[in-house]
Amino acid sequence: MFTPSEGDTSSGGTTGAPVDGDIDCDPTMSNNYHIHIYLGIYYEGEQVALPIAVGMVDPGQASDGFIDTAQCFYYIHTHDQSGIVHIEYTDPSGTPITQPVFDLKNVLDVWGITTGPDSFGPFSGPVEVFTSGQVYRGDQNDGVVSETNLTYWGNNANSIPLYSHEIIDILIGPTYPQSLPNVAFYLEY
């Protein structure tokens, strides 16, 4: 793993202005709709860290590798480099957490990167995408989703719906890892 630049790229959510028309940056995080997904990135067989403070404008200092203060938080953000993406949304319609509100393209737009069949952000090479699909587990299995639950999505990740406890692994080749890790989620979301 490497240490990527903090936060969003210059084309992502750096100003606090809405992203994709309706992904706002609020001064506090909401628990109205709150889920976590895991985004694993593997380049040439090696895991790459997700940047800390994606979706945060003017983030505070990290404490033990975790940032929880910022001028504002986009509905989609990261607090650390673990690969866990937080989706905290004030949903006036009351969508249950078992239903997706956003897709992976929204995450990438907040971050400020793009993906396609032959690239993911700054990485070039053939892309393969694996996902766990709709596997919301609540507190089942101690919050662990096994890599054996992954299925091949294709080579373009943009339209993957973000379910609670969704695992999305992006593999950029031509060298790919032999196996992918199990992922443990916080039990409350």
N, C-alpha and C. Protein backbone atom coordinates (compact mmCIF):
# COMPACT_ATOMS: atom_id res chain seq x y z
N MET A 1 0.84 -1.18 0.00
CA MET A 1 0.00 0.00 0.00
C MET A 1 0.88 1.24 0.00
N PHE A 2 0.41 2.28 -0.60
CA PHE A 2 1.13 3.54 -0.58
C PHE A 2 0.28 4.58 0.11
N THR A 3 0.84 5.73 0.36
CA THR A 3 0.08 6.80 0.99
C THR A 3 -0.31 7.81 -0.07
N PRO A 4 -1.55 7.79 -0.54
CA PRO A 4 -1.98 8.73 -1.58
C PRO A 4 -2.20 10.11 -1.01
N SER A 5 -2.32 11.08 -1.89
CA SER A 5 -2.61 12.44 -1.46
C SER A 5 -3.90 12.47 -0.67
N GLU A 6 -3.96 13.35 0.33
CA GLU A 6 -5.16 13.49 1.14
C GLU A 6 -6.29 14.11 0.33
N GLY A 7 -7.49 13.63 0.57
CA GLY A 7 -8.69 14.25 0.03
C GLY A 7 -8.94 14.05 -1.44
N ASP A 8 -9.76 14.93 -1.98
CA ASP A 8 -10.21 14.83 -3.35
C ASP A 8 -9.20 15.44 -4.31
N THR A 9 -9.27 15.04 -5.58
CA THR A 9 -8.46 15.70 -6.60
C THR A 9 -9.11 17.05 -6.90
N SER A 10 -8.45 17.86 -7.69
CA SER A 10 -8.96 19.20 -7.98
C SER A 10 -10.27 19.18 -8.74
N SER A 11 -10.60 18.07 -9.40
CA SER A 11 -11.89 17.98 -10.10
C SER A 11 -12.98 17.35 -9.26
N GLY A 12 -12.66 17.01 -8.00
CA GLY A 12 -13.65 16.42 -7.11
C GLY A 12 -14.28 17.46 -6.21
N GLY A 13 -14.79 16.99 -5.08
CA GLY A 13 -15.51 17.86 -4.16
C GLY A 13 -14.59 18.64 -3.25
N THR A 14 -13.95 19.66 -3.79
CA THR A 14 -12.99 20.43 -3.01
C THR A 14 -13.53 21.75 -2.49
N THR A 15 -14.65 22.21 -3.02
CA THR A 15 -15.13 23.56 -2.68
C THR A 15 -16.34 23.58 -1.76
N GLY A 16 -17.00 22.46 -1.61
CA GLY A 16 -18.24 22.41 -0.85
C GLY A 16 -19.47 22.56 -1.72
N ALA A 17 -19.28 22.86 -3.01
CA ALA A 17 -20.41 22.94 -3.95
C ALA A 17 -20.96 21.54 -4.19
N PRO A 18 -22.26 21.41 -4.47
CA PRO A 18 -22.83 20.09 -4.73
C PRO A 18 -22.09 19.35 -5.85
N VAL A 19 -21.99 18.05 -5.70
CA VAL A 19 -21.41 17.17 -6.71
C VAL A 19 -22.55 16.35 -7.31
N ASP A 20 -22.52 16.17 -8.60
CA ASP A 20 -23.56 15.41 -9.33
C ASP A 20 -24.96 15.98 -9.07
N GLY A 21 -25.04 17.25 -8.77
CA GLY A 21 -26.31 17.94 -8.61
C GLY A 21 -26.97 17.83 -7.26
N ASP A 22 -26.78 16.70 -6.55
CA ASP A 22 -27.51 16.55 -5.29
C ASP A 22 -26.70 15.93 -4.15
N ILE A 23 -25.40 15.86 -4.31
CA ILE A 23 -24.56 15.37 -3.22
C ILE A 23 -23.96 16.59 -2.54
N ASP A 24 -24.59 16.98 -1.45
CA ASP A 24 -24.21 18.21 -0.76
C ASP A 24 -23.08 17.97 0.22
N CYS A 25 -22.52 19.07 0.68
CA CYS A 25 -21.48 19.07 1.71
C CYS A 25 -22.06 19.78 2.92
N ASP A 26 -22.36 19.02 3.97
CA ASP A 26 -23.00 19.55 5.17
C ASP A 26 -21.99 19.74 6.30
N PRO A 27 -22.23 20.69 7.20
CA PRO A 27 -21.29 20.92 8.30
C PRO A 27 -21.23 19.77 9.31
N THR A 28 -22.26 18.94 9.35
CA THR A 28 -22.25 17.77 10.24
C THR A 28 -22.68 16.54 9.45
N MET A 29 -22.33 15.37 9.97
CA MET A 29 -22.72 14.13 9.33
C MET A 29 -24.08 13.68 9.84
N SER A 30 -24.87 13.10 8.95
CA SER A 30 -26.22 12.67 9.30
C SER A 30 -26.23 11.19 9.64
N ASN A 31 -27.10 10.81 10.55
CA ASN A 31 -27.34 9.39 10.81
C ASN A 31 -28.70 8.96 10.28
N ASN A 32 -29.35 9.81 9.50
CA ASN A 32 -30.66 9.50 8.93
C ASN A 32 -30.55 8.27 8.02
N TYR A 33 -29.59 8.28 7.12
CA TYR A 33 -29.26 7.15 6.24
C TYR A 33 -27.75 7.01 6.34
N HIS A 34 -27.27 5.93 6.94
CA HIS A 34 -25.84 5.79 7.21
C HIS A 34 -25.42 4.36 6.92
N ILE A 35 -24.62 4.19 5.87
CA ILE A 35 -24.11 2.86 5.52
C ILE A 35 -22.62 2.96 5.25
N HIS A 36 -21.97 1.80 5.17
CA HIS A 36 -20.57 1.71 4.79
C HIS A 36 -20.44 0.73 3.64
N ILE A 37 -19.52 1.05 2.72
CA ILE A 37 -19.11 0.11 1.68
C ILE A 37 -17.60 -0.02 1.75
N TYR A 38 -17.06 -1.04 1.13
CA TYR A 38 -15.61 -1.21 1.06
C TYR A 38 -15.18 -1.10 -0.39
N LEU A 39 -14.19 -0.25 -0.65
CA LEU A 39 -13.62 -0.11 -1.98
C LEU A 39 -12.16 -0.53 -1.92
N GLY A 40 -11.89 -1.69 -2.51
CA GLY A 40 -10.52 -2.19 -2.58
C GLY A 40 -9.95 -1.90 -3.96
N ILE A 41 -8.73 -1.40 -4.00
CA ILE A 41 -8.07 -1.08 -5.25
C ILE A 41 -6.76 -1.85 -5.30
N TYR A 42 -6.55 -2.58 -6.39
CA TYR A 42 -5.35 -3.39 -6.56
C TYR A 42 -4.73 -3.07 -7.91
N TYR A 43 -3.49 -2.61 -7.89
CA TYR A 43 -2.78 -2.26 -9.12
C TYR A 43 -1.59 -3.20 -9.27
N GLU A 44 -1.56 -3.90 -10.41
CA GLU A 44 -0.48 -4.85 -10.68
C GLU A 44 -0.33 -5.85 -9.53
N GLY A 45 -1.45 -6.26 -8.94
CA GLY A 45 -1.45 -7.28 -7.90
C GLY A 45 -1.24 -6.77 -6.48
N GLU A 46 -0.93 -5.48 -6.30
CA GLU A 46 -0.67 -4.91 -4.98
C GLU A 46 -1.83 -4.01 -4.57
N GLN A 47 -2.23 -4.09 -3.30
CA GLN A 47 -3.31 -3.25 -2.81
C GLN A 47 -2.85 -1.81 -2.69
N VAL A 48 -3.73 -0.89 -3.06
CA VAL A 48 -3.47 0.54 -3.02
C VAL A 48 -4.40 1.15 -1.98
N ALA A 49 -3.88 2.05 -1.16
CA ALA A 49 -4.70 2.69 -0.12
C ALA A 49 -5.65 3.71 -0.74
N LEU A 50 -6.84 3.78 -0.19
CA LEU A 50 -7.79 4.82 -0.55
C LEU A 50 -7.37 6.09 0.21
N PRO A 51 -7.44 7.26 -0.42
CA PRO A 51 -7.03 8.48 0.30
C PRO A 51 -7.90 8.76 1.52
N ILE A 52 -7.27 9.30 2.56
CA ILE A 52 -7.99 9.78 3.73
C ILE A 52 -8.66 11.10 3.36
N ALA A 53 -9.82 11.38 3.91
CA ALA A 53 -10.53 12.66 3.77
C ALA A 53 -11.08 12.92 2.38
N VAL A 54 -11.36 11.86 1.61
CA VAL A 54 -12.13 12.06 0.38
C VAL A 54 -13.50 12.55 0.82
N GLY A 55 -14.05 13.56 0.15
CA GLY A 55 -15.37 14.07 0.50
C GLY A 55 -15.42 14.96 1.71
N MET A 56 -14.28 15.52 2.09
CA MET A 56 -14.22 16.47 3.19
C MET A 56 -13.58 17.76 2.69
N VAL A 57 -14.18 18.89 3.02
CA VAL A 57 -13.60 20.18 2.69
C VAL A 57 -12.87 20.70 3.92
N ASP A 58 -11.61 21.05 3.75
CA ASP A 58 -10.76 21.56 4.83
C ASP A 58 -10.79 20.61 6.04
N PRO A 59 -10.35 19.35 5.84
CA PRO A 59 -10.38 18.39 6.94
C PRO A 59 -9.42 18.77 8.06
N GLY A 60 -9.77 18.34 9.28
CA GLY A 60 -8.91 18.56 10.44
C GLY A 60 -7.74 17.58 10.43
N GLN A 61 -6.98 17.60 11.51
CA GLN A 61 -5.84 16.71 11.65
C GLN A 61 -6.31 15.29 11.95
N ALA A 62 -5.58 14.33 11.45
CA ALA A 62 -5.87 12.92 11.75
C ALA A 62 -5.42 12.60 13.17
N SER A 63 -6.22 11.80 13.84
CA SER A 63 -5.87 11.26 15.14
C SER A 63 -5.87 9.75 15.01
N ASP A 64 -4.72 9.12 15.20
CA ASP A 64 -4.58 7.68 15.00
C ASP A 64 -5.05 7.26 13.61
N GLY A 65 -4.76 8.10 12.61
CA GLY A 65 -5.09 7.77 11.22
C GLY A 65 -6.55 7.98 10.85
N PHE A 66 -7.31 8.69 11.67
CA PHE A 66 -8.75 8.88 11.45
C PHE A 66 -9.07 10.37 11.55
N ILE A 67 -9.77 10.90 10.54
CA ILE A 67 -10.18 12.30 10.55
C ILE A 67 -11.69 12.37 10.75
N ASP A 68 -12.11 13.14 11.76
CA ASP A 68 -13.55 13.26 12.00
C ASP A 68 -14.02 14.71 12.10
N THR A 69 -13.16 15.65 11.68
CA THR A 69 -13.58 17.05 11.64
C THR A 69 -13.26 17.63 10.27
N ALA A 70 -14.13 18.52 9.82
CA ALA A 70 -13.93 19.19 8.54
C ALA A 70 -14.87 20.39 8.49
N GLN A 71 -14.59 21.30 7.56
CA GLN A 71 -15.51 22.42 7.34
C GLN A 71 -16.88 21.89 6.93
N CYS A 72 -16.86 20.88 6.04
CA CYS A 72 -18.11 20.19 5.69
C CYS A 72 -17.78 18.80 5.16
N PHE A 73 -18.78 17.93 5.22
CA PHE A 73 -18.66 16.53 4.80
C PHE A 73 -19.65 16.28 3.67
N TYR A 74 -19.15 15.77 2.55
CA TYR A 74 -20.07 15.31 1.51
C TYR A 74 -20.77 14.06 2.01
N TYR A 75 -21.94 13.78 1.46
CA TYR A 75 -22.69 12.59 1.87
C TYR A 75 -21.84 11.33 1.71
N ILE A 76 -20.86 11.38 0.81
CA ILE A 76 -19.96 10.27 0.54
C ILE A 76 -18.56 10.72 0.94
N HIS A 77 -17.92 10.01 1.89
CA HIS A 77 -16.60 10.43 2.34
C HIS A 77 -15.83 9.27 2.98
N THR A 78 -14.52 9.49 3.16
CA THR A 78 -13.67 8.54 3.89
C THR A 78 -13.08 9.25 5.10
N HIS A 79 -12.93 8.50 6.18
CA HIS A 79 -12.31 9.03 7.39
C HIS A 79 -10.87 8.56 7.54
N ASP A 80 -10.51 7.48 6.82
CA ASP A 80 -9.18 6.90 6.95
C ASP A 80 -8.80 6.25 5.62
N GLN A 81 -7.74 5.45 5.61
CA GLN A 81 -7.27 4.81 4.39
C GLN A 81 -7.60 3.32 4.36
N SER A 82 -8.59 2.89 5.14
CA SER A 82 -8.93 1.47 5.25
C SER A 82 -9.66 0.92 4.04
N GLY A 83 -10.22 1.78 3.20
CA GLY A 83 -11.07 1.34 2.09
C GLY A 83 -12.54 1.47 2.42
N ILE A 84 -12.87 1.75 3.67
CA ILE A 84 -14.27 1.93 4.06
C ILE A 84 -14.73 3.31 3.61
N VAL A 85 -15.82 3.34 2.84
CA VAL A 85 -16.43 4.58 2.39
C VAL A 85 -17.72 4.75 3.17
N HIS A 86 -17.90 5.93 3.76
CA HIS A 86 -19.08 6.24 4.57
C HIS A 86 -20.09 6.97 3.70
N ILE A 87 -21.34 6.57 3.79
CA ILE A 87 -22.43 7.26 3.11
C ILE A 87 -23.41 7.69 4.20
N GLU A 88 -23.42 8.97 4.46
CA GLU A 88 -24.24 9.55 5.53
C GLU A 88 -25.07 10.66 4.90
N TYR A 89 -26.36 10.42 4.84
CA TYR A 89 -27.23 11.21 3.98
C TYR A 89 -28.50 11.55 4.73
N THR A 90 -28.88 12.82 4.71
CA THR A 90 -30.16 13.24 5.26
C THR A 90 -31.21 12.97 4.20
N ASP A 91 -31.85 11.83 4.29
CA ASP A 91 -32.78 11.37 3.26
C ASP A 91 -34.21 11.73 3.64
N PRO A 92 -34.78 12.75 3.00
CA PRO A 92 -36.14 13.15 3.36
C PRO A 92 -37.19 12.10 3.04
N SER A 93 -36.89 11.18 2.12
CA SER A 93 -37.88 10.16 1.76
C SER A 93 -37.84 8.96 2.70
N GLY A 94 -36.81 8.89 3.56
CA GLY A 94 -36.74 7.79 4.52
C GLY A 94 -36.36 6.46 3.89
N THR A 95 -35.53 6.46 2.87
CA THR A 95 -35.09 5.22 2.23
C THR A 95 -34.45 4.30 3.27
N PRO A 96 -34.87 3.04 3.35
CA PRO A 96 -34.25 2.12 4.31
C PRO A 96 -32.81 1.81 3.88
N ILE A 97 -31.94 1.50 4.86
CA ILE A 97 -30.54 1.26 4.54
C ILE A 97 -30.33 -0.01 3.72
N THR A 98 -31.36 -0.80 3.53
CA THR A 98 -31.24 -1.97 2.67
C THR A 98 -31.37 -1.61 1.19
N GLN A 99 -31.65 -0.35 0.88
CA GLN A 99 -31.78 0.11 -0.50
C GLN A 99 -30.67 1.10 -0.83
N PRO A 100 -30.09 1.03 -2.02
CA PRO A 100 -29.03 1.98 -2.37
C PRO A 100 -29.60 3.35 -2.75
N VAL A 101 -28.84 4.40 -2.45
CA VAL A 101 -29.18 5.76 -2.83
C VAL A 101 -28.21 6.26 -3.90
N PHE A 102 -26.95 5.80 -3.83
CA PHE A 102 -25.91 6.25 -4.74
C PHE A 102 -25.27 5.05 -5.44
N ASP A 103 -24.43 5.36 -6.44
CA ASP A 103 -23.65 4.31 -7.10
C ASP A 103 -22.17 4.69 -7.05
N LEU A 104 -21.31 3.80 -7.54
CA LEU A 104 -19.88 4.04 -7.43
C LEU A 104 -19.45 5.28 -8.20
N LYS A 105 -20.11 5.61 -9.29
CA LYS A 105 -19.74 6.82 -10.02
C LYS A 105 -19.86 8.04 -9.12
N ASN A 106 -20.85 8.07 -8.23
CA ASN A 106 -20.97 9.19 -7.30
C ASN A 106 -19.75 9.28 -6.38
N VAL A 107 -19.25 8.14 -5.90
CA VAL A 107 -18.04 8.12 -5.07
C VAL A 107 -16.87 8.71 -5.87
N LEU A 108 -16.72 8.22 -7.10
CA LEU A 108 -15.61 8.67 -7.93
C LEU A 108 -15.72 10.15 -8.28
N ASP A 109 -16.93 10.65 -8.48
CA ASP A 109 -17.12 12.06 -8.78
C ASP A 109 -16.78 12.94 -7.59
N VAL A 110 -17.14 12.52 -6.37
CA VAL A 110 -16.75 13.27 -5.18
C VAL A 110 -15.22 13.25 -5.05
N TRP A 111 -14.62 12.10 -5.29
CA TRP A 111 -13.16 11.94 -5.20
C TRP A 111 -12.48 12.72 -6.32
N GLY A 112 -13.11 12.77 -7.49
CA GLY A 112 -12.54 13.49 -8.62
C GLY A 112 -11.72 12.63 -9.56
N ILE A 113 -12.09 11.35 -9.68
CA ILE A 113 -11.39 10.47 -10.61
C ILE A 113 -12.41 9.79 -11.52
N THR A 114 -11.92 9.18 -12.58
CA THR A 114 -12.77 8.44 -13.52
C THR A 114 -12.28 7.02 -13.65
N THR A 115 -13.15 6.17 -14.20
CA THR A 115 -12.77 4.79 -14.46
C THR A 115 -13.40 4.34 -15.77
N GLY A 116 -12.82 3.33 -16.35
CA GLY A 116 -13.32 2.73 -17.57
C GLY A 116 -12.67 1.36 -17.74
N PRO A 117 -12.87 0.71 -18.86
CA PRO A 117 -12.33 -0.64 -19.06
C PRO A 117 -10.81 -0.74 -19.00
N ASP A 118 -10.09 0.38 -19.24
CA ASP A 118 -8.64 0.34 -19.30
C ASP A 118 -7.94 1.30 -18.34
N SER A 119 -8.68 1.81 -17.34
CA SER A 119 -8.05 2.71 -16.38
C SER A 119 -8.92 2.88 -15.14
N PHE A 120 -8.26 3.22 -14.05
CA PHE A 120 -8.95 3.59 -12.82
C PHE A 120 -8.15 4.72 -12.21
N GLY A 121 -8.70 5.94 -12.22
CA GLY A 121 -7.96 7.09 -11.71
C GLY A 121 -6.62 7.20 -12.40
N PRO A 122 -5.53 7.27 -11.63
CA PRO A 122 -4.21 7.44 -12.23
C PRO A 122 -3.60 6.14 -12.78
N PHE A 123 -4.29 5.01 -12.62
CA PHE A 123 -3.72 3.72 -12.99
C PHE A 123 -4.23 3.27 -14.36
N SER A 124 -3.31 2.82 -15.20
CA SER A 124 -3.67 2.31 -16.53
C SER A 124 -3.46 0.82 -16.58
N GLY A 125 -4.35 0.14 -17.28
CA GLY A 125 -4.27 -1.30 -17.46
C GLY A 125 -5.67 -1.87 -17.52
N PRO A 126 -5.80 -3.11 -17.97
CA PRO A 126 -7.13 -3.72 -18.03
C PRO A 126 -7.77 -3.83 -16.65
N VAL A 127 -9.02 -3.39 -16.55
CA VAL A 127 -9.74 -3.35 -15.28
C VAL A 127 -10.69 -4.54 -15.18
N GLU A 128 -10.67 -5.19 -14.03
CA GLU A 128 -11.65 -6.22 -13.69
C GLU A 128 -12.28 -5.81 -12.36
N VAL A 129 -13.59 -5.97 -12.27
CA VAL A 129 -14.32 -5.52 -11.09
C VAL A 129 -15.08 -6.71 -10.49
N PHE A 130 -14.94 -6.86 -9.19
CA PHE A 130 -15.68 -7.89 -8.44
C PHE A 130 -16.49 -7.19 -7.37
N THR A 131 -17.68 -7.71 -7.11
CA THR A 131 -18.56 -7.09 -6.13
C THR A 131 -19.31 -8.16 -5.35
N SER A 132 -19.70 -7.78 -4.14
CA SER A 132 -20.46 -8.72 -3.31
C SER A 132 -21.95 -8.61 -3.56
N GLY A 133 -22.38 -7.55 -4.24
CA GLY A 133 -23.81 -7.41 -4.52
C GLY A 133 -24.58 -7.04 -3.27
N GLN A 134 -25.86 -7.32 -3.31
CA GLN A 134 -26.77 -6.93 -2.22
C GLN A 134 -26.62 -7.92 -1.07
N VAL A 135 -25.72 -7.60 -0.14
CA VAL A 135 -25.44 -8.55 0.94
C VAL A 135 -25.60 -7.94 2.33
N TYR A 136 -26.44 -6.93 2.49
CA TYR A 136 -26.58 -6.33 3.81
C TYR A 136 -26.72 -7.42 4.86
N ARG A 137 -25.88 -7.36 5.88
CA ARG A 137 -25.85 -8.42 6.87
C ARG A 137 -26.15 -7.95 8.28
N GLY A 138 -26.27 -6.64 8.50
CA GLY A 138 -26.50 -6.18 9.87
C GLY A 138 -25.42 -6.71 10.78
N ASP A 139 -25.81 -7.41 11.83
CA ASP A 139 -24.81 -7.95 12.75
C ASP A 139 -24.53 -9.43 12.50
N GLN A 140 -25.01 -9.97 11.39
CA GLN A 140 -24.76 -11.38 11.09
C GLN A 140 -23.27 -11.58 10.81
N ASN A 141 -22.76 -12.73 11.14
CA ASN A 141 -21.38 -13.12 10.82
C ASN A 141 -20.37 -12.11 11.38
N ASP A 142 -20.70 -11.46 12.49
CA ASP A 142 -19.84 -10.46 13.12
C ASP A 142 -19.41 -9.36 12.16
N GLY A 143 -20.25 -9.03 11.19
CA GLY A 143 -19.96 -7.95 10.25
C GLY A 143 -18.96 -8.29 9.17
N VAL A 144 -18.56 -9.58 9.06
CA VAL A 144 -17.55 -9.98 8.07
C VAL A 144 -18.22 -10.48 6.81
N VAL A 145 -17.77 -9.94 5.67
CA VAL A 145 -18.23 -10.42 4.37
C VAL A 145 -17.05 -11.14 3.73
N SER A 146 -17.25 -12.40 3.39
CA SER A 146 -16.18 -13.24 2.85
C SER A 146 -15.91 -12.93 1.39
N GLU A 147 -14.63 -13.02 1.01
CA GLU A 147 -14.27 -12.83 -0.39
C GLU A 147 -14.90 -13.90 -1.27
N THR A 148 -15.35 -15.00 -0.68
CA THR A 148 -16.01 -16.03 -1.48
C THR A 148 -17.38 -15.58 -1.97
N ASN A 149 -17.92 -14.48 -1.40
CA ASN A 149 -19.20 -13.94 -1.85
C ASN A 149 -19.07 -13.05 -3.07
N LEU A 150 -17.84 -12.79 -3.54
CA LEU A 150 -17.63 -11.88 -4.65
C LEU A 150 -17.97 -12.53 -5.99
N THR A 151 -18.54 -11.73 -6.88
CA THR A 151 -18.81 -12.18 -8.24
C THR A 151 -18.24 -11.16 -9.22
N TYR A 152 -17.95 -11.62 -10.41
CA TYR A 152 -17.38 -10.76 -11.43
C TYR A 152 -18.44 -9.79 -11.93
N TRP A 153 -18.12 -8.49 -11.91
CA TRP A 153 -19.06 -7.45 -12.35
C TRP A 153 -18.85 -7.12 -13.81
N GLY A 154 -17.61 -7.06 -14.24
CA GLY A 154 -17.27 -6.64 -15.60
C GLY A 154 -16.04 -5.76 -15.56
N ASN A 155 -15.94 -4.83 -16.49
CA ASN A 155 -14.75 -3.99 -16.51
C ASN A 155 -15.06 -2.50 -16.36
N ASN A 156 -16.30 -2.15 -16.04
CA ASN A 156 -16.65 -0.76 -15.81
C ASN A 156 -17.51 -0.67 -14.55
N ALA A 157 -16.95 -0.03 -13.54
CA ALA A 157 -17.56 -0.04 -12.21
C ALA A 157 -18.55 1.08 -11.96
N ASN A 158 -18.72 2.00 -12.88
CA ASN A 158 -19.50 3.21 -12.61
C ASN A 158 -20.91 2.95 -12.09
N SER A 159 -21.60 1.97 -12.61
CA SER A 159 -23.02 1.79 -12.27
C SER A 159 -23.29 0.85 -11.10
N ILE A 160 -22.27 0.47 -10.35
CA ILE A 160 -22.48 -0.43 -9.21
C ILE A 160 -23.29 0.29 -8.13
N PRO A 161 -24.48 -0.22 -7.77
CA PRO A 161 -25.25 0.41 -6.69
C PRO A 161 -24.57 0.15 -5.35
N LEU A 162 -24.64 1.12 -4.46
CA LEU A 162 -23.96 1.02 -3.17
C LEU A 162 -24.92 0.56 -2.09
N TYR A 163 -24.93 -0.75 -1.87
CA TYR A 163 -25.71 -1.34 -0.79
C TYR A 163 -24.88 -1.31 0.49
N SER A 164 -25.55 -1.35 1.63
CA SER A 164 -24.84 -1.44 2.89
C SER A 164 -24.00 -2.71 2.91
N HIS A 165 -22.76 -2.57 3.30
CA HIS A 165 -21.78 -3.65 3.39
C HIS A 165 -21.41 -4.22 2.03
N GLU A 166 -21.57 -3.42 1.00
CA GLU A 166 -21.12 -3.78 -0.35
C GLU A 166 -19.60 -3.82 -0.38
N ILE A 167 -19.05 -4.82 -1.03
CA ILE A 167 -17.61 -4.87 -1.30
C ILE A 167 -17.44 -4.65 -2.78
N ILE A 168 -16.57 -3.72 -3.14
CA ILE A 168 -16.23 -3.49 -4.54
C ILE A 168 -14.71 -3.56 -4.64
N ASP A 169 -14.21 -4.52 -5.38
CA ASP A 169 -12.78 -4.66 -5.60
C ASP A 169 -12.47 -4.33 -7.05
N ILE A 170 -11.60 -3.34 -7.24
CA ILE A 170 -11.17 -2.89 -8.55
C ILE A 170 -9.76 -3.44 -8.76
N LEU A 171 -9.59 -4.27 -9.80
CA LEU A 171 -8.29 -4.86 -10.10
C LEU A 171 -7.80 -4.28 -11.42
N ILE A 172 -6.64 -3.62 -11.37
CA ILE A 172 -6.06 -3.05 -12.58
C ILE A 172 -4.83 -3.87 -12.90
N GLY A 173 -4.81 -4.49 -14.07
CA GLY A 173 -3.75 -5.43 -14.43
C GLY A 173 -2.74 -4.87 -15.39
N PRO A 174 -2.02 -5.77 -16.02
CA PRO A 174 -2.41 -7.14 -16.33
C PRO A 174 -2.13 -8.17 -15.25
N THR A 175 -1.43 -7.81 -14.17
CA THR A 175 -1.19 -8.75 -13.06
C THR A 175 -2.26 -8.52 -12.01
N TYR A 176 -2.87 -9.61 -11.53
CA TYR A 176 -3.95 -9.50 -10.55
C TYR A 176 -3.59 -10.30 -9.30
N PRO A 177 -4.15 -9.94 -8.13
CA PRO A 177 -3.85 -10.70 -6.91
C PRO A 177 -4.41 -12.12 -7.00
N GLN A 178 -3.77 -13.04 -6.29
CA GLN A 178 -4.22 -14.43 -6.27
C GLN A 178 -5.53 -14.61 -5.52
N SER A 179 -5.74 -13.77 -4.49
CA SER A 179 -6.98 -13.83 -3.71
C SER A 179 -7.26 -12.44 -3.17
N LEU A 180 -8.47 -12.25 -2.70
CA LEU A 180 -8.88 -10.97 -2.13
C LEU A 180 -9.27 -11.18 -0.68
N PRO A 181 -9.11 -10.17 0.17
CA PRO A 181 -9.35 -10.36 1.60
C PRO A 181 -10.84 -10.36 1.96
N ASN A 182 -11.15 -10.99 3.10
CA ASN A 182 -12.45 -10.80 3.71
C ASN A 182 -12.49 -9.37 4.24
N VAL A 183 -13.68 -8.83 4.40
CA VAL A 183 -13.83 -7.46 4.87
C VAL A 183 -14.74 -7.45 6.10
N ALA A 184 -14.30 -6.74 7.15
CA ALA A 184 -15.10 -6.61 8.36
C ALA A 184 -15.67 -5.20 8.43
N PHE A 185 -16.96 -5.09 8.65
CA PHE A 185 -17.64 -3.80 8.76
C PHE A 185 -18.00 -3.52 10.21
N TYR A 186 -18.18 -2.22 10.50
CA TYR A 186 -18.73 -1.85 11.79
C TYR A 186 -20.10 -2.47 11.90
N LEU A 187 -20.44 -3.02 13.03
CA LEU A 187 -21.70 -3.75 13.16
C LEU A 187 -22.91 -2.85 13.14
N GLU A 188 -22.78 -1.58 13.59
CA GLU A 188 -23.98 -0.75 13.72
C GLU A 188 -24.51 -0.26 12.38
N TYR A 189 -23.73 -0.31 11.28
CA TYR A 189 -24.21 0.21 10.00
C TYR A 189 -24.04 -0.83 8.93
